Amino acid sequence: MRKRHWFNGQWKKPEIANSVEAVLAFRTECEKGAERFGKIPDGIEVKPEVINMIVSEWLIPENAVPDKLLFYVHGGGYVSGSCNDHRSIVSKVSKATRLKTLLFEYGLAPENPFPAALNDTITIYQEILKKGYSPKNIIMMGESAGGGLCLASLLAIRDQNIPLPKAVVVISPWTDLSCSGESYSTKNKVSLAPLNSWTVFSGFYAAGSNITDPYISPLFGDLKGLPPLFINAGNADELFDDSLRLYEKARHAGIDVAFREGKDMIHCYPLLSPLFPEATDAMNEITAFIKLHLEK
């Protein structure tokens, strides 16, 4: 991935403009990429459903573990992401864990800024509980902005006295939308993200709200009382410090938390399994964490 310029002439890292048009174009490119490379593994059934007016779909592996659920929150900087462009990677997790998995489409900025994504996630979670899933049989998982949204949603679920899921997995979570971590500058040149993307996406999502509101940037929240947490992050990623700082804060809050640093690894690298050994090893570790907590 870091040598991609070998196949693309004199590659120059693009910069995303701070405009609605640029963000919508970015979203379109993400969807096109899914169409080119998105392949669903064998043995996965896809069942679309609209849940409380939110487009969703169930990914059901063969021999799925009964009554257990992986509640997946997709990434995309709060401005992109859909069932279509995440179906392939999430299906791989579903198959590896043998878990029925729910994927859904929360409202995206700039059309639907904060708190749309948060409200949609909590709505879907409550609807799942109404369907009869026990919180002790639910694992919540998300990557990038979806990882941050997992954590923000957990804070809100806890604060609203809604039963929390059994455990949580976040991959390269975006926990600080003020982008104050050192890695935003030190890892900028090696990151795969377009230049300036995180600050652009943050501005459209927060849309004038307090950027350090814990429901926007969970790094600034009180983490006490959250369920067991597994964090994975590559250290060649602009968001690396978001993960490391969250881990340190969670540990000091008494959370059962594990942190795995991928040396020289890029953003959300476990989801590239089985393309290279580091991704496969990381995904195997995530799968083991999920199985461990659902067996307790």
Foldseek 3Di string as FASTA:
>chain_A
DLVCCVVVPNDDFAAFDLDPVSLVVVQVVLLVVLVVPADADPQWDWAWDQDPNWTKIKTAGPPADPLAEEEEFEDDLLAHDACSSCVRLVNVLCHLLSHTYMYTDWDGPLVDAPPRRLVVSLSVVVVVVVVPRDLLRYEYEYEACRLLSVLLNQVVCVVVVHDHHQEYEYELYQQQLVLPDPLLPVLVVSANDHPPVSVSSSCSRCVPPDRLPCSNRVLNDLRAPHHEYEYEYESSESSVVSRVSSQVNCVVNVYNYYYHYHYVDYGRLLSVPPPDDSNVVVSVVVSVVSVVSNVD
